[in-house]
Amino acid sequence: MNILLNGASGYMGREVMKLLEAPDCEDTLIACVDLHTDGLPSPAYTSLADVRERADVIIDFSHHTATNGLLAYALRHKTPVVIATTGQTEEENAAIKAASAEIPVFFSANMSLGVALLAALVRLTVKTFPAADVEIVETHHNRKVDVPSGTALMLARSVQSVREDAEFVIGRHENGKKKPNEVGISSLRLGNVVGEHEVHINTGSETITLRHQAHSRSLFADGALVAARFLVDCKAGLYTLASLFRDSN
């Protein structure tokens, strides 16, 4: 499989390159794109518009502001794309949905299969205890820009999928009694933490705590490659970690 990597100079882009450079990897990095190309393997471009090579799939670990340009390129070349960035605006999310009507698009705030399992367990637990209080706590390194994390929002939407009246409360900052339908989301930014997510589900008589901890960014790079291999044979549509999780069972 020939891969075009967008955002190759970033933390995650370099993790993907490490995996592609492994002796046992059967996939090929056909080209990479980043505003800064120093140290990148050739061919390296500063713009997608300059890429001449034909890719089987695009992996994007750049920035959400690149979403529209990325989709325009993918649509023009009819190339499946894995979008692994977070923080998309409503307009960018709408563009992703529109593009998926013409090409396969894999879009996830977190590329970990473990997080896919966590989301499934959250849905099952909240469905089992529909009146329970739910609180989500996420912790990341102190350089992370978006708050809350895309993964925390994904977990909150897992709650909402079985509790339609769920209302997200991000970072409580006022006095007041917690409403029964509130799902609290708290964010911590500490040192070099890769990513930790906890979902606390309390019935009043017992608490179930579901937790996922990422030990290395390499797991997200590995997940992106798994998603790319999954996507390359898919028809047009919008795919998520849940799609990948179902496919693996």
C-alpha atoms as a PDB file:
ATOM      1  CA  MET A   1       0.000   0.000   0.000  1.00  0.00           C
ATOM      2  CA  ASN A   2       1.391   3.394  -1.015  1.00  0.00           C
ATOM      3  CA  ILE A   3       0.851   6.050   1.653  1.00  0.00           C
ATOM      4  CA  LEU A   4       0.925   9.839   1.357  1.00  0.00           C
ATOM      5  CA  LEU A   5       1.653  11.310   4.788  1.00  0.00           C
ATOM      6  CA  ASN A   6       0.415  14.833   5.507  1.00  0.00           C
ATOM      7  CA  GLY A   7       1.930  16.500   8.572  1.00  0.00           C
ATOM      8  CA  ALA A   8       5.076  14.395   8.376  1.00  0.00           C
ATOM      9  CA  SER A   9       7.271  16.646  10.547  1.00  0.00           C
ATOM     10  CA  GLY A  10       4.998  16.585  13.590  1.00  0.00           C
ATOM     11  CA  TYR A  11       5.204  14.223  16.551  1.00  0.00           C
ATOM     12  CA  MET A  12       2.710  11.788  15.078  1.00  0.00           C
ATOM     13  CA  GLY A  13       3.951  12.107  11.524  1.00  0.00           C
ATOM     14  CA  ARG A  14       7.394  10.988  12.630  1.00  0.00           C
ATOM     15  CA  GLU A  15       5.909   8.080  14.572  1.00  0.00           C
ATOM     16  CA  VAL A  16       4.140   6.924  11.395  1.00  0.00           C
ATOM     17  CA  MET A  17       7.410   7.184   9.455  1.00  0.00           C
ATOM     18  CA  LYS A  18       9.182   5.036  12.052  1.00  0.00           C
ATOM     19  CA  LEU A  19       6.628   2.271  11.547  1.00  0.00           C
ATOM     20  CA  LEU A  20       6.858   2.530   7.755  1.00  0.00           C
ATOM     21  CA  GLU A  21      10.647   2.285   7.931  1.00  0.00           C
ATOM     22  CA  ALA A  22      10.539  -0.984   9.894  1.00  0.00           C
ATOM     23  CA  PRO A  23      12.019  -3.952   7.951  1.00  0.00           C
ATOM     24  CA  ASP A  24       8.840  -6.024   8.296  1.00  0.00           C
ATOM     25  CA  CYS A  25       6.464  -3.269   7.124  1.00  0.00           C
ATOM     26  CA  GLU A  26       4.869  -4.052   3.758  1.00  0.00           C
ATOM     27  CA  ASP A  27       3.528  -0.513   3.240  1.00  0.00           C
ATOM     28  CA  THR A  28       5.444   2.266   1.476  1.00  0.00           C
ATOM     29  CA  LEU A  29       5.739   5.964   2.244  1.00  0.00           C
ATOM     30  CA  ILE A  30       5.362   7.257  -1.292  1.00  0.00           C
ATOM     31  CA  ALA A  31       5.571  10.978  -0.365  1.00  0.00           C
ATOM     32  CA  CYS A  32       5.328  13.261   2.628  1.00  0.00           C
ATOM     33  CA  VAL A  33       4.020  16.795   3.072  1.00  0.00           C
ATOM     34  CA  ASP A  34       4.741  19.431   5.694  1.00  0.00           C
ATOM     35  CA  LEU A  35       5.467  23.142   5.866  1.00  0.00           C
ATOM     36  CA  HIS A  36       8.901  22.163   7.190  1.00  0.00           C
ATOM     37  CA  THR A  37      10.605  19.503   5.082  1.00  0.00           C
ATOM     38  CA  ASP A  38      14.063  19.520   6.691  1.00  0.00           C
ATOM     39  CA  GLY A  39      15.055  15.962   7.560  1.00  0.00           C
ATOM     40  CA  LEU A  40      12.126  14.383   5.759  1.00  0.00           C
ATOM     41  CA  PRO A  41      12.734  11.552   3.293  1.00  0.00           C
ATOM     42  CA  SER A  42      12.388  12.364  -0.388  1.00  0.00           C
ATOM     43  CA  PRO A  43      10.069  13.116  -2.018  1.00  0.00           C
ATOM     44  CA  ALA A  44       8.935  15.780   0.454  1.00  0.00           C
ATOM     45  CA  TYR A  45       6.668  18.694  -0.407  1.00  0.00           C
ATOM     46  CA  THR A  46       5.479  21.817   1.379  1.00  0.00           C
ATOM     47  CA  SER A  47       2.049  21.618  -0.273  1.00  0.00           C
ATOM     48  CA  LEU A  48      -0.298  18.834  -1.292  1.00  0.00           C
ATOM     49  CA  ALA A  49      -0.787  20.628  -4.595  1.00  0.00           C
ATOM     50  CA  ASP A  50       2.824  19.837  -5.522  1.00  0.00           C
ATOM     51  CA  VAL A  51       2.600  16.078  -4.932  1.00  0.00           C
ATOM     52  CA  ARG A  52       3.125  14.105  -8.148  1.00  0.00           C
ATOM     53  CA  GLU A  53       3.065  10.564  -6.768  1.00  0.00           C
ATOM     54  CA  ARG A  54      -0.096   8.458  -6.789  1.00  0.00           C
ATOM     55  CA  ALA A  55      -1.104   7.227  -3.337  1.00  0.00           C
ATOM     56  CA  ASP A  56      -3.489   4.445  -2.342  1.00  0.00           C
ATOM     57  CA  VAL A  57      -4.447   6.311   0.835  1.00  0.00           C
ATOM     58  CA  ILE A  58      -3.617   9.557   2.663  1.00  0.00           C
ATOM     59  CA  ILE A  59      -2.859   9.693   6.387  1.00  0.00           C
ATOM     60  CA  ASP A  60      -3.287  13.168   7.873  1.00  0.00           C
ATOM     61  CA  PHE A  61      -1.616  14.109  11.153  1.00  0.00           C
ATOM     62  CA  SER A  62      -1.262  17.818  10.379  1.00  0.00           C
ATOM     63  CA  HIS A  63      -3.773  20.316  11.874  1.00  0.00           C
ATOM     64  CA  HIS A  64      -7.526  20.686  11.657  1.00  0.00           C
ATOM     65  CA  THR A  65      -7.127  23.955   9.721  1.00  0.00           C
ATOM     66  CA  ALA A  66      -5.750  21.881   6.834  1.00  0.00           C
ATOM     67  CA  THR A  67      -8.965  19.850   6.598  1.00  0.00           C
ATOM     68  CA  ASN A  68     -10.562  21.688   3.670  1.00  0.00           C
ATOM     69  CA  GLY A  69      -7.419  21.655   1.517  1.00  0.00           C
ATOM     70  CA  LEU A  70      -6.802  18.015   2.381  1.00  0.00           C
ATOM     71  CA  LEU A  71     -10.316  17.020   1.351  1.00  0.00           C
ATOM     72  CA  ALA A  72     -10.119  19.033  -1.877  1.00  0.00           C
ATOM     73  CA  TYR A  73      -6.947  17.132  -2.821  1.00  0.00           C
ATOM     74  CA  ALA A  74      -8.425  13.752  -1.844  1.00  0.00           C
ATOM     75  CA  LEU A  75     -11.603  14.413  -3.806  1.00  0.00           C
ATOM     76  CA  ARG A  76      -9.692  15.567  -6.859  1.00  0.00           C
ATOM     77  CA  HIS A  77      -7.633  12.391  -6.914  1.00  0.00           C
ATOM     78  CA  LYS A  78     -10.371  10.095  -5.541  1.00  0.00           C
ATOM     79  CA  THR A  79      -8.038   8.954  -2.774  1.00  0.00           C
ATOM     80  CA  PRO A  80      -9.227   7.519   0.571  1.00  0.00           C
ATOM     81  CA  VAL A  81      -8.105   9.617   3.540  1.00  0.00           C
ATOM     82  CA  VAL A  82      -7.493   8.929   7.220  1.00  0.00           C
ATOM     83  CA  ILE A  83      -8.017  12.150   9.226  1.00  0.00           C
ATOM     84  CA  ALA A  84      -6.349  11.835  12.626  1.00  0.00           C
ATOM     85  CA  THR A  85      -6.475  15.491  13.699  1.00  0.00           C
ATOM     86  CA  THR A  86      -8.781  17.025  16.316  1.00  0.00           C
ATOM     87  CA  GLY A  87     -10.452  20.361  16.978  1.00  0.00           C
ATOM     88  CA  GLN A  88     -12.422  20.603  13.736  1.00  0.00           C
ATOM     89  CA  THR A  89     -14.934  23.444  13.437  1.00  0.00           C
ATOM     90  CA  GLU A  90     -18.567  22.843  12.512  1.00  0.00           C
ATOM     91  CA  GLU A  91     -17.729  23.905   8.956  1.00  0.00           C
ATOM     92  CA  GLU A  92     -14.816  21.463   8.769  1.00  0.00           C
ATOM     93  CA  ASN A  93     -16.933  18.647  10.180  1.00  0.00           C
ATOM     94  CA  ALA A  94     -19.565  19.387   7.543  1.00  0.00           C
ATOM     95  CA  ALA A  95     -16.886  19.262   4.827  1.00  0.00           C
ATOM     96  CA  ILE A  96     -15.728  15.852   6.098  1.00  0.00           C
ATOM     97  CA  LYS A  97     -19.275  14.512   5.968  1.00  0.00           C
ATOM     98  CA  ALA A  98     -19.809  15.908   2.456  1.00  0.00           C
ATOM     99  CA  ALA A  99     -16.547  14.422   1.162  1.00  0.00           C
ATOM    100  CA  SER A 100     -17.463  11.001   2.546  1.00  0.00           C
ATOM    101  CA  ALA A 101     -20.319  10.832   0.050  1.00  0.00           C
ATOM    102  CA  GLU A 102     -17.705  10.576  -2.721  1.00  0.00           C
ATOM    103  CA  ILE A 103     -14.633   8.937  -1.144  1.00  0.00           C
ATOM    104  CA  PRO A 104     -13.867   6.731   1.872  1.00  0.00           C
ATOM    105  CA  VAL A 105     -13.023   8.934   4.874  1.00  0.00           C
ATOM    106  CA  PHE A 106     -11.826   7.582   8.211  1.00  0.00           C
ATOM    107  CA  PHE A 107     -12.206  10.242  10.897  1.00  0.00           C
ATOM    108  CA  SER A 108     -11.371   9.683  14.542  1.00  0.00           C
ATOM    109  CA  ALA A 109     -10.223  11.872  17.414  1.00  0.00           C
ATOM    110  CA  ASN A 110      -8.230   8.928  18.718  1.00  0.00           C
ATOM    111  CA  MET A 111      -6.615   6.156  16.682  1.00  0.00           C
ATOM    112  CA  SER A 112      -6.406   3.591  19.500  1.00  0.00           C
ATOM    113  CA  LEU A 113      -8.356   0.320  19.351  1.00  0.00           C
ATOM    114  CA  GLY A 114      -8.297   0.380  23.141  1.00  0.00           C
ATOM    115  CA  VAL A 115     -10.250   3.642  23.071  1.00  0.00           C
ATOM    116  CA  ALA A 116     -12.752   2.057  20.674  1.00  0.00           C
ATOM    117  CA  LEU A 117     -13.277  -0.694  23.248  1.00  0.00           C
ATOM    118  CA  LEU A 118     -13.549   1.905  26.028  1.00  0.00           C
ATOM    119  CA  ALA A 119     -16.288   3.751  24.113  1.00  0.00           C
ATOM    120  CA  ALA A 120     -18.185   0.484  23.623  1.00  0.00           C
ATOM    121  CA  LEU A 121     -17.926  -0.300  27.346  1.00  0.00           C
ATOM    122  CA  VAL A 122     -19.138   3.209  28.220  1.00  0.00           C
ATOM    123  CA  ARG A 123     -22.220   2.739  26.035  1.00  0.00           C
ATOM    124  CA  LEU A 124     -22.981  -0.655  27.597  1.00  0.00           C
ATOM    125  CA  THR A 125     -22.497   0.574  31.172  1.00  0.00           C
ATOM    126  CA  VAL A 126     -24.607   3.732  30.780  1.00  0.00           C
ATOM    127  CA  LYS A 127     -27.331   1.709  29.063  1.00  0.00           C
ATOM    128  CA  THR A 128     -27.280  -0.689  32.022  1.00  0.00           C
ATOM    129  CA  PHE A 129     -27.429   2.174  34.560  1.00  0.00           C
ATOM    130  CA  PRO A 130     -29.474   4.877  32.794  1.00  0.00           C
ATOM    131  CA  ALA A 131     -29.908   7.065  35.891  1.00  0.00           C
ATOM    132  CA  ALA A 132     -26.257   7.044  36.973  1.00  0.00           C
ATOM    133  CA  ASP A 133     -24.108  10.164  37.216  1.00  0.00           C
ATOM    134  CA  VAL A 134     -21.392  10.270  34.540  1.00  0.00           C
ATOM    135  CA  GLU A 135     -18.169  12.263  34.741  1.00  0.00           C
ATOM    136  CA  ILE A 136     -15.252  12.189  32.289  1.00  0.00           C
ATOM    137  CA  VAL A 137     -11.713  13.228  33.225  1.00  0.00           C
ATOM    138  CA  GLU A 138      -9.015  13.575  30.571  1.00  0.00           C
ATOM    139  CA  THR A 139      -5.312  14.306  31.097  1.00  0.00           C
ATOM    140  CA  HIS A 140      -2.777  15.320  28.443  1.00  0.00           C
ATOM    141  CA  HIS A 141       0.629  16.997  28.132  1.00  0.00           C
ATOM    142  CA  ASN A 142       0.827  20.729  28.791  1.00  0.00           C
ATOM    143  CA  ARG A 143       1.313  21.585  25.097  1.00  0.00           C
ATOM    144  CA  LYS A 144      -2.086  20.283  23.950  1.00  0.00           C
ATOM    145  CA  VAL A 145      -4.184  23.072  22.483  1.00  0.00           C
ATOM    146  CA  ASP A 146      -7.780  21.788  22.265  1.00  0.00           C
ATOM    147  CA  VAL A 147      -9.844  21.485  25.445  1.00  0.00           C
ATOM    148  CA  PRO A 148     -11.493  19.124  26.065  1.00  0.00           C
ATOM    149  CA  SER A 149      -9.735  16.462  24.049  1.00  0.00           C
ATOM    150  CA  GLY A 150     -11.421  15.021  20.988  1.00  0.00           C
ATOM    151  CA  THR A 151     -11.385  11.631  22.700  1.00  0.00           C
ATOM    152  CA  ALA A 152     -13.232  12.996  25.744  1.00  0.00           C
ATOM    153  CA  LEU A 153     -15.911  14.378  23.441  1.00  0.00           C
ATOM    154  CA  MET A 154     -16.069  11.054  21.637  1.00  0.00           C
ATOM    155  CA  LEU A 155     -16.666   9.290  24.960  1.00  0.00           C
ATOM    156  CA  ALA A 156     -19.305  11.865  25.898  1.00  0.00           C
ATOM    157  CA  ARG A 157     -21.069  11.192  22.595  1.00  0.00           C
ATOM    158  CA  SER A 158     -20.976   7.484  23.458  1.00  0.00           C
ATOM    159  CA  VAL A 159     -23.007   8.367  26.548  1.00  0.00           C
ATOM    160  CA  GLN A 160     -25.334  10.514  24.439  1.00  0.00           C
ATOM    161  CA  SER A 161     -25.923   7.628  22.026  1.00  0.00           C
ATOM    162  CA  VAL A 162     -27.846   5.780  24.755  1.00  0.00           C
ATOM    163  CA  ARG A 163     -28.969   8.814  26.763  1.00  0.00           C
ATOM    164  CA  GLU A 164     -30.378  11.268  24.230  1.00  0.00           C
ATOM    165  CA  ASP A 165     -30.986  14.080  26.728  1.00  0.00           C
ATOM    166  CA  ALA A 166     -27.344  14.096  27.884  1.00  0.00           C
ATOM    167  CA  GLU A 167     -25.967  17.622  28.247  1.00  0.00           C
ATOM    168  CA  PHE A 168     -22.205  18.171  28.215  1.00  0.00           C
ATOM    169  CA  VAL A 169     -20.789  20.439  30.922  1.00  0.00           C
ATOM    170  CA  ILE A 170     -17.193  21.293  30.144  1.00  0.00           C
ATOM    171  CA  GLY A 171     -15.090  22.421  33.100  1.00  0.00           C
ATOM    172  CA  ARG A 172     -17.595  23.403  35.818  1.00  0.00           C
ATOM    173  CA  HIS A 173     -16.858  26.935  36.963  1.00  0.00           C
ATOM    174  CA  GLU A 174     -19.988  28.014  38.837  1.00  0.00           C
ATOM    175  CA  ASN A 175     -21.795  26.903  41.959  1.00  0.00           C
ATOM    176  CA  GLY A 176     -24.869  24.822  41.370  1.00  0.00           C
ATOM    177  CA  LYS A 177     -26.384  21.403  41.776  1.00  0.00           C
ATOM    178  CA  LYS A 178     -25.531  18.824  39.133  1.00  0.00           C
ATOM    179  CA  LYS A 179     -28.492  18.081  36.871  1.00  0.00           C
ATOM    180  CA  PRO A 180     -29.376  14.393  36.309  1.00  0.00           C
ATOM    181  CA  ASN A 181     -28.691  14.610  32.557  1.00  0.00           C
ATOM    182  CA  GLU A 182     -25.331  16.371  32.844  1.00  0.00           C
ATOM    183  CA  VAL A 183     -22.143  14.676  31.675  1.00  0.00           C
ATOM    184  CA  GLY A 184     -19.221  16.531  33.205  1.00  0.00           C
ATOM    185  CA  ILE A 185     -15.928  16.777  31.301  1.00  0.00           C
ATOM    186  CA  SER A 186     -12.805  17.891  33.162  1.00  0.00           C
ATOM    187  CA  SER A 187      -9.400  18.507  31.569  1.00  0.00           C
ATOM    188  CA  LEU A 188      -5.956  18.331  33.156  1.00  0.00           C
ATOM    189  CA  ARG A 189      -2.727  19.445  31.423  1.00  0.00           C
ATOM    190  CA  LEU A 190       0.388  17.985  33.040  1.00  0.00           C
ATOM    191  CA  GLY A 191       3.977  17.597  31.863  1.00  0.00           C
ATOM    192  CA  ASN A 192       4.431  15.038  29.102  1.00  0.00           C
ATOM    193  CA  VAL A 193       1.353  12.863  29.667  1.00  0.00           C
ATOM    194  CA  VAL A 194       0.529  11.160  26.359  1.00  0.00           C
ATOM    195  CA  GLY A 195      -3.159  10.694  27.100  1.00  0.00           C
ATOM    196  CA  GLU A 196      -5.363   9.356  29.891  1.00  0.00           C
ATOM    197  CA  HIS A 197      -9.167   9.122  29.919  1.00  0.00           C
ATOM    198  CA  GLU A 198     -11.392   8.056  32.801  1.00  0.00           C
ATOM    199  CA  VAL A 199     -15.160   7.672  32.801  1.00  0.00           C
ATOM    200  CA  HIS A 200     -16.773   7.526  36.246  1.00  0.00           C
ATOM    201  CA  ILE A 201     -20.296   6.076  36.363  1.00  0.00           C
ATOM    202  CA  ASN A 202     -21.914   6.373  39.796  1.00  0.00           C
ATOM    203  CA  THR A 203     -25.337   4.935  40.687  1.00  0.00           C
ATOM    204  CA  GLY A 204     -25.344   6.270  44.246  1.00  0.00           C
ATOM    205  CA  SER A 205     -24.607   2.845  45.688  1.00  0.00           C
ATOM    206  CA  GLU A 206     -21.650   1.872  43.512  1.00  0.00           C
ATOM    207  CA  THR A 207     -19.139   3.348  41.072  1.00  0.00           C
ATOM    208  CA  ILE A 208     -17.791   1.852  37.870  1.00  0.00           C
ATOM    209  CA  THR A 209     -14.621   3.515  36.584  1.00  0.00           C
ATOM    210  CA  LEU A 210     -13.457   2.805  33.033  1.00  0.00           C
ATOM    211  CA  ARG A 211      -9.960   3.977  32.196  1.00  0.00           C
ATOM    212  CA  HIS A 212      -7.604   4.033  29.222  1.00  0.00           C
ATOM    213  CA  GLN A 213      -3.977   5.137  29.400  1.00  0.00           C
ATOM    214  CA  ALA A 214      -1.726   5.657  26.387  1.00  0.00           C
ATOM    215  CA  HIS A 215       1.911   4.895  27.190  1.00  0.00           C
ATOM    216  CA  SER A 216       3.372   5.977  23.859  1.00  0.00           C
ATOM    217  CA  ARG A 217       2.352   7.969  20.796  1.00  0.00           C
ATOM    218  CA  SER A 218       3.370   4.989  18.690  1.00  0.00           C
ATOM    219  CA  LEU A 219       0.019   3.313  19.420  1.00  0.00           C
ATOM    220  CA  PHE A 220      -1.776   6.142  17.581  1.00  0.00           C
ATOM    221  CA  ALA A 221       0.558   5.778  14.600  1.00  0.00           C
ATOM    222  CA  ASP A 222      -0.066   2.037  14.545  1.00  0.00           C
ATOM    223  CA  GLY A 223      -3.805   2.661  14.706  1.00  0.00           C
ATOM    224  CA  ALA A 224      -3.576   5.070  11.762  1.00  0.00           C
ATOM    225  CA  LEU A 225      -1.887   2.384   9.652  1.00  0.00           C
ATOM    226  CA  VAL A 226      -4.524  -0.167  10.648  1.00  0.00           C
ATOM    227  CA  ALA A 227      -7.202   2.354   9.657  1.00  0.00           C
ATOM    228  CA  ALA A 228      -5.479   3.017   6.316  1.00  0.00           C
ATOM    229  CA  ARG A 229      -5.339  -0.698   5.492  1.00  0.00           C
ATOM    230  CA  PHE A 230      -8.999  -1.006   6.452  1.00  0.00           C
ATOM    231  CA  LEU A 231     -10.039   2.027   4.408  1.00  0.00           C
ATOM    232  CA  VAL A 232      -8.247   1.253   1.153  1.00  0.00           C
ATOM    233  CA  ASP A 233     -10.797  -1.436   0.228  1.00  0.00           C
ATOM    234  CA  CYS A 234     -13.881   0.442   1.467  1.00  0.00           C
ATOM    235  CA  LYS A 235     -16.527   2.144  -0.623  1.00  0.00           C
ATOM    236  CA  ALA A 236     -17.332   5.839  -0.165  1.00  0.00           C
ATOM    237  CA  GLY A 237     -18.540   6.599   3.338  1.00  0.00           C
ATOM    238  CA  LEU A 238     -17.613   8.000   6.735  1.00  0.00           C
ATOM    239  CA  TYR A 239     -15.803   5.513   8.959  1.00  0.00           C
ATOM    240  CA  THR A 240     -14.756   5.790  12.598  1.00  0.00           C
ATOM    241  CA  LEU A 241     -13.021   3.727  15.242  1.00  0.00           C
ATOM    242  CA  ALA A 242     -16.352   2.018  15.858  1.00  0.00           C
ATOM    243  CA  SER A 243     -16.299   0.806  12.235  1.00  0.00           C
ATOM    244  CA  LEU A 244     -12.826  -0.582  12.720  1.00  0.00           C
ATOM    245  CA  PHE A 245     -13.792  -2.186  16.000  1.00  0.00           C
ATOM    246  CA  ARG A 246     -16.812  -3.900  14.490  1.00  0.00           C
ATOM    247  CA  ASP A 247     -14.692  -5.073  11.585  1.00  0.00           C
ATOM    248  CA  SER A 248     -12.219  -6.701  13.959  1.00  0.00           C
ATOM    249  CA  ASN A 249     -14.865  -8.814  15.716  1.00  0.00           C
END
